[in-house]
Amino acid sequence: MDTEKIWSEFSLALKKFIFSKVKNETVADDILQEVFIKIHLHKHELKEKKRLKSWLFSIANNATLDYFRKKDIVLPTETNDAAEENSKDEHDAGDCVLPLILNLPKKYKEILVLTEIKGYKQQKAADTLSIGLPAAKSRIQRGRDLLKKGFMDCCDYKLDANGHLKGEHKNKEDCKVCN
């Protein structure tokens, strides 16, 4: 895998994706450069080349989230553009996480967006929502349980003996969340 080839094939799509989040061309260019540094340094870690596009957009999404975390900016949570940018045949459980979270009741959705999507520590999320830490922990746990139920309802996952989700993710056209 050659970084120049990846650049020529994916840089425009990655920049468009980043720009859709940050709405600032200079910031998008800066984040894109960070993304390609990460890609160049870690491209040898990608085991399956068929997952390249998904991997690239995951790096771009994470770099964009890092930008928002550093700036402590609230990220819009309307859609998961990374999932939309993925090719139609590359669909995995990660594509359904945000849509499932956004379908939860407000008190669970808010806390899970802050902790699971934006990466806030539980205390910071509690402070942001003006609730106590015990309430935040309870909402996170209940929200995660509802998220598990969502995966079970949508994608026919099952719980194993340890309470972990097990199963194979459906194709995008069979997914009840993404369609």
N, C-alpha and C. Protein backbone atom coordinates (compact mmCIF):
# COMPACT_ATOMS: atom_id res chain seq x y z
N MET A 1 0.84 -1.18 0.00
CA MET A 1 0.00 0.00 0.00
C MET A 1 0.89 1.25 0.00
N ASP A 2 0.70 2.06 -0.98
CA ASP A 2 1.49 3.26 -1.15
C ASP A 2 0.66 4.48 -0.70
N THR A 3 1.26 5.31 0.14
CA THR A 3 0.55 6.47 0.66
C THR A 3 0.14 7.42 -0.46
N GLU A 4 0.99 7.58 -1.47
CA GLU A 4 0.64 8.46 -2.60
C GLU A 4 -0.59 7.95 -3.33
N LYS A 5 -0.68 6.65 -3.51
CA LYS A 5 -1.84 6.07 -4.18
C LYS A 5 -3.10 6.28 -3.34
N ILE A 6 -2.98 6.08 -2.04
CA ILE A 6 -4.11 6.31 -1.13
C ILE A 6 -4.53 7.77 -1.21
N TRP A 7 -3.54 8.68 -1.21
CA TRP A 7 -3.82 10.12 -1.30
C TRP A 7 -4.60 10.43 -2.57
N SER A 8 -4.09 9.95 -3.71
CA SER A 8 -4.74 10.29 -4.98
C SER A 8 -6.15 9.71 -5.07
N GLU A 9 -6.38 8.57 -4.46
CA GLU A 9 -7.68 7.93 -4.56
C GLU A 9 -8.70 8.45 -3.54
N PHE A 10 -8.23 8.81 -2.34
CA PHE A 10 -9.18 9.08 -1.25
C PHE A 10 -9.12 10.49 -0.65
N SER A 11 -8.12 11.30 -0.98
CA SER A 11 -7.96 12.58 -0.29
C SER A 11 -9.17 13.50 -0.47
N LEU A 12 -9.73 13.56 -1.67
CA LEU A 12 -10.88 14.45 -1.90
C LEU A 12 -12.10 14.00 -1.09
N ALA A 13 -12.37 12.71 -1.08
CA ALA A 13 -13.51 12.20 -0.32
C ALA A 13 -13.31 12.41 1.18
N LEU A 14 -12.08 12.18 1.65
CA LEU A 14 -11.80 12.39 3.07
C LEU A 14 -11.94 13.86 3.45
N LYS A 15 -11.44 14.75 2.59
CA LYS A 15 -11.56 16.18 2.88
C LYS A 15 -13.02 16.60 2.91
N LYS A 16 -13.80 16.11 1.95
CA LYS A 16 -15.24 16.42 1.92
C LYS A 16 -15.92 15.95 3.21
N PHE A 17 -15.58 14.74 3.65
CA PHE A 17 -16.13 14.20 4.88
C PHE A 17 -15.76 15.08 6.08
N ILE A 18 -14.47 15.43 6.19
CA ILE A 18 -14.00 16.26 7.31
C ILE A 18 -14.66 17.63 7.26
N PHE A 19 -14.70 18.23 6.07
CA PHE A 19 -15.30 19.55 5.92
C PHE A 19 -16.78 19.55 6.31
N SER A 20 -17.47 18.44 6.03
CA SER A 20 -18.89 18.37 6.39
C SER A 20 -19.09 18.45 7.90
N LYS A 21 -18.06 18.09 8.65
CA LYS A 21 -18.14 18.15 10.11
C LYS A 21 -17.69 19.51 10.65
N VAL A 22 -16.56 20.04 10.12
CA VAL A 22 -15.95 21.23 10.72
C VAL A 22 -16.39 22.54 10.08
N LYS A 23 -16.89 22.48 8.84
CA LYS A 23 -17.39 23.66 8.12
C LYS A 23 -16.36 24.77 8.00
N ASN A 24 -15.07 24.40 7.93
CA ASN A 24 -14.00 25.37 7.79
C ASN A 24 -12.90 24.72 6.95
N GLU A 25 -12.62 25.30 5.79
CA GLU A 25 -11.68 24.67 4.86
C GLU A 25 -10.27 24.57 5.42
N THR A 26 -9.80 25.61 6.10
CA THR A 26 -8.45 25.58 6.67
C THR A 26 -8.33 24.48 7.73
N VAL A 27 -9.32 24.39 8.60
CA VAL A 27 -9.32 23.35 9.63
C VAL A 27 -9.41 21.98 8.97
N ALA A 28 -10.24 21.85 7.94
CA ALA A 28 -10.37 20.57 7.24
C ALA A 28 -9.03 20.15 6.63
N ASP A 29 -8.31 21.11 6.03
CA ASP A 29 -6.99 20.81 5.47
C ASP A 29 -6.02 20.35 6.55
N ASP A 30 -6.05 21.02 7.69
CA ASP A 30 -5.16 20.64 8.80
C ASP A 30 -5.46 19.23 9.29
N ILE A 31 -6.74 18.94 9.47
CA ILE A 31 -7.13 17.61 9.94
C ILE A 31 -6.77 16.56 8.90
N LEU A 32 -6.98 16.88 7.63
CA LEU A 32 -6.63 15.94 6.56
C LEU A 32 -5.14 15.61 6.59
N GLN A 33 -4.31 16.60 6.84
CA GLN A 33 -2.87 16.35 6.93
C GLN A 33 -2.56 15.42 8.11
N GLU A 34 -3.20 15.66 9.24
CA GLU A 34 -3.02 14.77 10.40
C GLU A 34 -3.46 13.35 10.06
N VAL A 35 -4.56 13.24 9.34
CA VAL A 35 -5.09 11.93 8.95
C VAL A 35 -4.06 11.19 8.10
N PHE A 36 -3.48 11.89 7.12
CA PHE A 36 -2.53 11.20 6.25
C PHE A 36 -1.20 10.89 6.94
N ILE A 37 -0.85 11.65 7.92
CA ILE A 37 0.32 11.28 8.73
C ILE A 37 0.04 9.97 9.45
N LYS A 38 -1.15 9.87 10.06
CA LYS A 38 -1.53 8.64 10.75
C LYS A 38 -1.61 7.46 9.78
N ILE A 39 -2.17 7.71 8.61
CA ILE A 39 -2.28 6.65 7.61
C ILE A 39 -0.88 6.17 7.21
N HIS A 40 0.02 7.11 6.93
CA HIS A 40 1.37 6.75 6.52
C HIS A 40 2.10 5.96 7.61
N LEU A 41 1.93 6.37 8.86
CA LEU A 41 2.63 5.72 9.96
C LEU A 41 2.04 4.36 10.32
N HIS A 42 0.76 4.15 10.03
CA HIS A 42 0.09 2.92 10.49
C HIS A 42 -0.46 2.04 9.37
N LYS A 43 -0.17 2.36 8.13
CA LYS A 43 -0.74 1.59 7.01
C LYS A 43 -0.34 0.12 7.05
N HIS A 44 0.79 -0.18 7.63
CA HIS A 44 1.24 -1.57 7.73
C HIS A 44 0.39 -2.39 8.71
N GLU A 45 -0.38 -1.72 9.56
CA GLU A 45 -1.21 -2.41 10.55
C GLU A 45 -2.52 -2.93 9.97
N LEU A 46 -2.91 -2.42 8.80
CA LEU A 46 -4.16 -2.86 8.17
C LEU A 46 -3.95 -4.25 7.59
N LYS A 47 -4.68 -5.20 8.12
CA LYS A 47 -4.52 -6.60 7.70
C LYS A 47 -5.31 -6.91 6.42
N GLU A 48 -6.54 -6.41 6.33
CA GLU A 48 -7.41 -6.71 5.19
C GLU A 48 -7.52 -5.48 4.31
N LYS A 49 -6.97 -5.56 3.13
CA LYS A 49 -6.99 -4.41 2.22
C LYS A 49 -8.40 -4.05 1.76
N LYS A 50 -9.33 -5.01 1.81
CA LYS A 50 -10.71 -4.71 1.41
C LYS A 50 -11.38 -3.76 2.41
N ARG A 51 -10.80 -3.61 3.58
CA ARG A 51 -11.35 -2.72 4.60
C ARG A 51 -10.66 -1.35 4.60
N LEU A 52 -9.86 -1.09 3.56
CA LEU A 52 -9.09 0.16 3.50
C LEU A 52 -9.97 1.39 3.63
N LYS A 53 -11.02 1.48 2.81
CA LYS A 53 -11.87 2.67 2.83
C LYS A 53 -12.51 2.89 4.19
N SER A 54 -13.02 1.83 4.78
CA SER A 54 -13.61 1.92 6.11
C SER A 54 -12.58 2.39 7.13
N TRP A 55 -11.37 1.84 7.03
CA TRP A 55 -10.28 2.20 7.95
C TRP A 55 -9.91 3.67 7.79
N LEU A 56 -9.81 4.15 6.55
CA LEU A 56 -9.47 5.55 6.30
C LEU A 56 -10.50 6.50 6.89
N PHE A 57 -11.78 6.19 6.68
CA PHE A 57 -12.82 7.07 7.19
C PHE A 57 -12.92 6.99 8.72
N SER A 58 -12.57 5.86 9.29
CA SER A 58 -12.52 5.77 10.76
C SER A 58 -11.43 6.69 11.31
N ILE A 59 -10.27 6.69 10.66
CA ILE A 59 -9.18 7.58 11.08
C ILE A 59 -9.62 9.03 10.94
N ALA A 60 -10.25 9.36 9.83
CA ALA A 60 -10.71 10.74 9.61
C ALA A 60 -11.77 11.13 10.64
N ASN A 61 -12.69 10.22 10.92
CA ASN A 61 -13.72 10.51 11.92
C ASN A 61 -13.10 10.72 13.29
N ASN A 62 -12.16 9.87 13.67
CA ASN A 62 -11.51 10.01 14.97
C ASN A 62 -10.70 11.29 15.06
N ALA A 63 -10.01 11.66 13.99
CA ALA A 63 -9.24 12.90 13.99
C ALA A 63 -10.16 14.11 14.13
N THR A 64 -11.31 14.04 13.48
CA THR A 64 -12.29 15.13 13.59
C THR A 64 -12.86 15.21 15.00
N LEU A 65 -13.16 14.07 15.58
CA LEU A 65 -13.65 14.05 16.96
C LEU A 65 -12.58 14.60 17.91
N ASP A 66 -11.32 14.26 17.67
CA ASP A 66 -10.22 14.79 18.48
C ASP A 66 -10.17 16.31 18.39
N TYR A 67 -10.38 16.84 17.20
CA TYR A 67 -10.40 18.29 17.01
C TYR A 67 -11.49 18.92 17.87
N PHE A 68 -12.69 18.34 17.84
CA PHE A 68 -13.79 18.87 18.63
C PHE A 68 -13.52 18.74 20.12
N ARG A 69 -12.93 17.62 20.54
CA ARG A 69 -12.60 17.44 21.96
C ARG A 69 -11.61 18.49 22.44
N LYS A 70 -10.58 18.74 21.62
CA LYS A 70 -9.57 19.74 21.99
C LYS A 70 -10.20 21.12 22.12
N LYS A 71 -11.13 21.42 21.26
CA LYS A 71 -11.80 22.72 21.27
C LYS A 71 -12.99 22.74 22.21
N ASP A 72 -13.37 21.57 22.74
CA ASP A 72 -14.54 21.41 23.61
C ASP A 72 -15.80 21.95 22.93
N ILE A 73 -15.93 21.58 21.66
CA ILE A 73 -17.08 21.99 20.84
C ILE A 73 -18.09 20.86 20.82
N VAL A 74 -19.36 21.21 20.90
CA VAL A 74 -20.41 20.21 20.82
C VAL A 74 -20.54 19.78 19.37
N LEU A 75 -20.45 18.49 19.13
CA LEU A 75 -20.52 17.94 17.78
C LEU A 75 -21.96 17.65 17.42
N PRO A 76 -22.41 18.08 16.24
CA PRO A 76 -23.77 17.73 15.82
C PRO A 76 -23.90 16.22 15.73
N THR A 77 -25.08 15.70 16.09
CA THR A 77 -25.26 14.25 16.11
C THR A 77 -26.39 13.80 15.20
N GLU A 78 -26.58 14.50 14.09
CA GLU A 78 -27.69 14.15 13.22
C GLU A 78 -27.50 12.83 12.51
N THR A 79 -26.33 12.63 11.87
CA THR A 79 -26.10 11.39 11.13
C THR A 79 -24.65 10.97 11.30
N ASN A 80 -24.39 9.75 10.92
CA ASN A 80 -23.04 9.25 10.93
C ASN A 80 -22.53 9.29 9.49
N ASP A 81 -21.86 10.40 9.13
CA ASP A 81 -21.38 10.56 7.77
C ASP A 81 -20.33 9.52 7.42
N ALA A 82 -19.59 9.03 8.39
CA ALA A 82 -18.59 8.00 8.10
C ALA A 82 -19.28 6.76 7.56
N ALA A 83 -20.41 6.42 8.13
CA ALA A 83 -21.15 5.24 7.66
C ALA A 83 -21.66 5.48 6.24
N GLU A 84 -22.09 6.73 5.94
CA GLU A 84 -22.57 7.03 4.61
C GLU A 84 -21.45 6.97 3.59
N GLU A 85 -20.23 7.34 3.98
CA GLU A 85 -19.11 7.34 3.06
C GLU A 85 -18.60 5.95 2.78
N ASN A 86 -18.82 5.02 3.70
CA ASN A 86 -18.36 3.65 3.48
C ASN A 86 -19.04 3.08 2.26
N SER A 87 -18.36 2.22 1.58
CA SER A 87 -18.99 1.60 0.43
C SER A 87 -20.12 0.70 0.89
N LYS A 88 -21.06 0.44 0.00
CA LYS A 88 -22.27 -0.28 0.37
C LYS A 88 -22.00 -1.70 0.83
N ASP A 89 -20.94 -2.32 0.33
CA ASP A 89 -20.68 -3.70 0.71
C ASP A 89 -19.88 -3.82 2.01
N GLU A 90 -19.38 -2.72 2.52
CA GLU A 90 -18.62 -2.74 3.76
C GLU A 90 -19.48 -2.16 4.88
N HIS A 91 -20.23 -3.00 5.51
CA HIS A 91 -21.16 -2.58 6.56
C HIS A 91 -20.86 -3.40 7.79
N ASP A 92 -20.64 -2.74 8.92
CA ASP A 92 -20.37 -3.47 10.15
C ASP A 92 -21.15 -2.86 11.30
N ALA A 93 -21.01 -3.46 12.46
CA ALA A 93 -21.77 -3.02 13.64
C ALA A 93 -21.50 -1.56 13.98
N GLY A 94 -20.30 -1.09 13.73
CA GLY A 94 -19.96 0.30 14.03
C GLY A 94 -20.83 1.29 13.27
N ASP A 95 -21.31 0.89 12.09
CA ASP A 95 -22.17 1.76 11.30
C ASP A 95 -23.52 1.98 11.96
N CYS A 96 -23.93 1.09 12.83
CA CYS A 96 -25.25 1.16 13.46
C CYS A 96 -25.24 1.83 14.84
N VAL A 97 -24.06 2.01 15.42
CA VAL A 97 -23.99 2.51 16.79
C VAL A 97 -24.66 3.87 16.94
N LEU A 98 -24.25 4.86 16.15
CA LEU A 98 -24.82 6.20 16.29
C LEU A 98 -26.31 6.22 15.99
N PRO A 99 -26.78 5.59 14.90
CA PRO A 99 -28.24 5.59 14.68
C PRO A 99 -29.01 4.93 15.84
N LEU A 100 -28.46 3.86 16.41
CA LEU A 100 -29.13 3.22 17.55
C LEU A 100 -29.14 4.15 18.76
N ILE A 101 -28.03 4.82 19.02
CA ILE A 101 -27.97 5.77 20.15
C ILE A 101 -28.99 6.89 19.94
N LEU A 102 -29.07 7.41 18.72
CA LEU A 102 -29.98 8.53 18.45
C LEU A 102 -31.46 8.14 18.55
N ASN A 103 -31.75 6.85 18.52
CA ASN A 103 -33.12 6.38 18.69
C ASN A 103 -33.50 6.15 20.15
N LEU A 104 -32.55 6.30 21.06
CA LEU A 104 -32.82 6.08 22.48
C LEU A 104 -33.56 7.27 23.08
N PRO A 105 -34.23 7.08 24.23
CA PRO A 105 -34.82 8.22 24.94
C PRO A 105 -33.76 9.27 25.24
N LYS A 106 -34.18 10.53 25.30
CA LYS A 106 -33.27 11.68 25.41
C LYS A 106 -32.25 11.54 26.52
N LYS A 107 -32.65 11.10 27.72
CA LYS A 107 -31.69 11.08 28.83
C LYS A 107 -30.57 10.06 28.62
N TYR A 108 -30.84 9.00 27.86
CA TYR A 108 -29.80 8.02 27.55
C TYR A 108 -28.99 8.45 26.33
N LYS A 109 -29.68 9.03 25.36
CA LYS A 109 -29.02 9.51 24.15
C LYS A 109 -27.96 10.56 24.50
N GLU A 110 -28.32 11.53 25.32
CA GLU A 110 -27.40 12.61 25.66
C GLU A 110 -26.12 12.09 26.32
N ILE A 111 -26.28 11.22 27.30
CA ILE A 111 -25.11 10.74 28.04
C ILE A 111 -24.25 9.84 27.17
N LEU A 112 -24.87 9.02 26.32
CA LEU A 112 -24.08 8.12 25.47
C LEU A 112 -23.37 8.88 24.35
N VAL A 113 -23.98 9.92 23.82
CA VAL A 113 -23.28 10.73 22.82
C VAL A 113 -22.04 11.35 23.44
N LEU A 114 -22.18 11.86 24.66
CA LEU A 114 -21.03 12.49 25.31
C LEU A 114 -19.93 11.48 25.66
N THR A 115 -20.31 10.33 26.20
CA THR A 115 -19.28 9.38 26.67
C THR A 115 -18.80 8.43 25.58
N GLU A 116 -19.69 7.93 24.76
CA GLU A 116 -19.30 6.91 23.77
C GLU A 116 -18.87 7.52 22.44
N ILE A 117 -19.48 8.62 22.04
CA ILE A 117 -19.16 9.23 20.76
C ILE A 117 -18.09 10.31 20.92
N LYS A 118 -18.30 11.22 21.86
CA LYS A 118 -17.35 12.31 22.04
C LYS A 118 -16.19 11.96 22.96
N GLY A 119 -16.29 10.85 23.69
CA GLY A 119 -15.18 10.40 24.52
C GLY A 119 -15.02 11.12 25.85
N TYR A 120 -16.07 11.77 26.34
CA TYR A 120 -15.98 12.45 27.63
C TYR A 120 -15.82 11.43 28.75
N LYS A 121 -15.11 11.81 29.77
CA LYS A 121 -15.09 11.04 31.01
C LYS A 121 -16.47 11.16 31.64
N GLN A 122 -16.83 10.19 32.46
CA GLN A 122 -18.18 10.19 33.05
C GLN A 122 -18.44 11.44 33.88
N GLN A 123 -17.46 11.90 34.64
CA GLN A 123 -17.65 13.09 35.47
C GLN A 123 -17.89 14.32 34.61
N LYS A 124 -17.12 14.47 33.53
CA LYS A 124 -17.31 15.62 32.65
C LYS A 124 -18.69 15.57 31.99
N ALA A 125 -19.12 14.39 31.59
CA ALA A 125 -20.46 14.25 30.99
C ALA A 125 -21.53 14.61 32.01
N ALA A 126 -21.36 14.16 33.25
CA ALA A 126 -22.31 14.49 34.31
C ALA A 126 -22.37 16.00 34.52
N ASP A 127 -21.21 16.64 34.57
CA ASP A 127 -21.15 18.09 34.74
C ASP A 127 -21.81 18.81 33.57
N THR A 128 -21.56 18.35 32.36
CA THR A 128 -22.13 18.96 31.16
C THR A 128 -23.66 18.90 31.20
N LEU A 129 -24.19 17.78 31.69
CA LEU A 129 -25.65 17.61 31.75
C LEU A 129 -26.25 18.09 33.07
N SER A 130 -25.39 18.60 33.96
CA SER A 130 -25.83 19.10 35.28
C SER A 130 -26.56 18.02 36.08
N ILE A 131 -25.96 16.82 36.09
CA ILE A 131 -26.49 15.73 36.91
C ILE A 131 -25.34 15.18 37.74
N GLY A 132 -25.66 14.43 38.77
CA GLY A 132 -24.64 13.85 39.61
C GLY A 132 -23.96 12.67 38.93
N LEU A 133 -22.76 12.33 39.40
CA LEU A 133 -22.02 11.20 38.83
C LEU A 133 -22.78 9.88 38.97
N PRO A 134 -23.42 9.58 40.12
CA PRO A 134 -24.19 8.33 40.20
C PRO A 134 -25.31 8.26 39.16
N ALA A 135 -25.99 9.38 38.93
CA ALA A 135 -27.05 9.42 37.93
C ALA A 135 -26.47 9.19 36.53
N ALA A 136 -25.32 9.80 36.27
CA ALA A 136 -24.67 9.63 34.97
C ALA A 136 -24.30 8.17 34.74
N LYS A 137 -23.71 7.54 35.75
CA LYS A 137 -23.30 6.14 35.63
C LYS A 137 -24.52 5.24 35.40
N SER A 138 -25.59 5.53 36.09
CA SER A 138 -26.82 4.75 35.93
C SER A 138 -27.36 4.90 34.51
N ARG A 139 -27.40 6.14 34.02
CA ARG A 139 -27.91 6.37 32.67
C ARG A 139 -27.01 5.71 31.61
N ILE A 140 -25.70 5.74 31.83
CA ILE A 140 -24.79 5.09 30.89
C ILE A 140 -25.06 3.60 30.86
N GLN A 141 -25.19 2.99 32.03
CA GLN A 141 -25.43 1.54 32.09
C GLN A 141 -26.77 1.18 31.45
N ARG A 142 -27.80 1.93 31.78
CA ARG A 142 -29.12 1.64 31.20
C ARG A 142 -29.12 1.91 29.69
N GLY A 143 -28.44 2.97 29.28
CA GLY A 143 -28.32 3.28 27.85
C GLY A 143 -27.59 2.18 27.10
N ARG A 144 -26.53 1.67 27.68
CA ARG A 144 -25.79 0.57 27.05
C ARG A 144 -26.65 -0.68 26.95
N ASP A 145 -27.45 -0.93 27.98
CA ASP A 145 -28.36 -2.08 27.93
C ASP A 145 -29.39 -1.91 26.81
N LEU A 146 -29.91 -0.69 26.65
CA LEU A 146 -30.85 -0.43 25.57
C LEU A 146 -30.16 -0.55 24.20
N LEU A 147 -28.90 -0.14 24.15
CA LEU A 147 -28.13 -0.27 22.92
C LEU A 147 -27.95 -1.74 22.54
N LYS A 148 -27.66 -2.58 23.54
CA LYS A 148 -27.55 -4.03 23.30
C LYS A 148 -28.87 -4.56 22.76
N LYS A 149 -29.97 -4.13 23.38
CA LYS A 149 -31.30 -4.58 22.92
C LYS A 149 -31.54 -4.13 21.49
N GLY A 150 -31.09 -2.93 21.17
CA GLY A 150 -31.23 -2.43 19.79
C GLY A 150 -30.50 -3.31 18.79
N PHE A 151 -29.28 -3.73 19.14
CA PHE A 151 -28.53 -4.63 18.26
C PHE A 151 -29.22 -5.98 18.14
N MET A 152 -29.79 -6.43 19.23
CA MET A 152 -30.48 -7.72 19.20
C MET A 152 -31.74 -7.63 18.34
N ASP A 153 -32.48 -6.54 18.45
CA ASP A 153 -33.71 -6.36 17.66
C ASP A 153 -33.41 -6.14 16.18
N CYS A 154 -32.41 -5.32 15.91
CA CYS A 154 -32.10 -4.94 14.53
C CYS A 154 -31.32 -6.03 13.80
N CYS A 155 -30.30 -6.52 14.43
CA CYS A 155 -29.31 -7.33 13.71
C CYS A 155 -29.25 -8.77 14.18
N ASP A 156 -30.22 -9.18 15.00
CA ASP A 156 -30.31 -10.57 15.47
C ASP A 156 -29.09 -11.03 16.25
N TYR A 157 -28.42 -10.12 16.96
CA TYR A 157 -27.34 -10.52 17.84
C TYR A 157 -27.94 -11.24 19.05
N LYS A 158 -27.16 -12.03 19.71
CA LYS A 158 -27.55 -12.74 20.93
C LYS A 158 -26.55 -12.40 22.03
N LEU A 159 -26.97 -12.55 23.28
CA LEU A 159 -26.05 -12.36 24.40
C LEU A 159 -25.43 -13.70 24.77
N ASP A 160 -24.11 -13.69 25.01
CA ASP A 160 -23.46 -14.92 25.46
C ASP A 160 -23.58 -15.02 26.98
N ALA A 161 -22.98 -16.02 27.57
CA ALA A 161 -23.07 -16.26 29.02
C ALA A 161 -22.53 -15.09 29.83
N ASN A 162 -21.60 -14.32 29.26
CA ASN A 162 -21.01 -13.17 29.96
C ASN A 162 -21.76 -11.87 29.71
N GLY A 163 -22.85 -11.93 28.95
CA GLY A 163 -23.63 -10.73 28.66
C GLY A 163 -23.08 -9.91 27.51
N HIS A 164 -22.18 -10.49 26.70
CA HIS A 164 -21.61 -9.80 25.55
C HIS A 164 -22.39 -10.18 24.28
N LEU A 165 -22.51 -9.21 23.38
CA LEU A 165 -23.20 -9.46 22.13
C LEU A 165 -22.39 -10.40 21.24
N LYS A 166 -23.06 -11.36 20.66
CA LYS A 166 -22.42 -12.30 19.74
C LYS A 166 -23.30 -12.43 18.51
N GLY A 167 -22.68 -12.58 17.38
CA GLY A 167 -23.42 -12.78 16.15
C GLY A 167 -22.69 -12.17 14.98
N GLU A 168 -23.29 -12.32 13.82
CA GLU A 168 -22.71 -11.78 12.60
C GLU A 168 -23.59 -10.64 12.13
N HIS A 169 -22.96 -9.54 11.77
CA HIS A 169 -23.71 -8.36 11.35
C HIS A 169 -24.32 -8.59 9.97
N LYS A 170 -25.52 -8.06 9.78
CA LYS A 170 -26.23 -8.20 8.51
C LYS A 170 -25.62 -7.29 7.45
N ASN A 171 -25.94 -7.58 6.21
CA ASN A 171 -25.58 -6.68 5.12
C ASN A 171 -26.38 -5.40 5.27
N LYS A 172 -25.89 -4.32 4.67
CA LYS A 172 -26.54 -3.03 4.81
C LYS A 172 -28.00 -3.06 4.36
N GLU A 173 -28.28 -3.76 3.27
CA GLU A 173 -29.66 -3.77 2.76
C GLU A 173 -30.61 -4.54 3.69
N ASP A 174 -30.08 -5.40 4.56
CA ASP A 174 -30.91 -6.15 5.50
C ASP A 174 -30.99 -5.48 6.87
N CYS A 175 -30.23 -4.42 7.07
CA CYS A 175 -30.16 -3.76 8.37
C CYS A 175 -31.38 -2.87 8.58
N LYS A 176 -32.05 -3.06 9.69
CA LYS A 176 -33.26 -2.29 10.00
C LYS A 176 -32.92 -0.86 10.44
N VAL A 177 -31.71 -0.64 10.94
CA VAL A 177 -31.31 0.69 11.41
C VAL A 177 -30.85 1.58 10.25
N CYS A 178 -30.04 1.02 9.38
CA CYS A 178 -29.40 1.81 8.32
C CYS A 178 -30.26 1.98 7.09
N ASN A 179 -31.39 1.32 7.03
CA ASN A 179 -32.28 1.47 5.88
C ASN A 179 -33.59 2.09 6.29
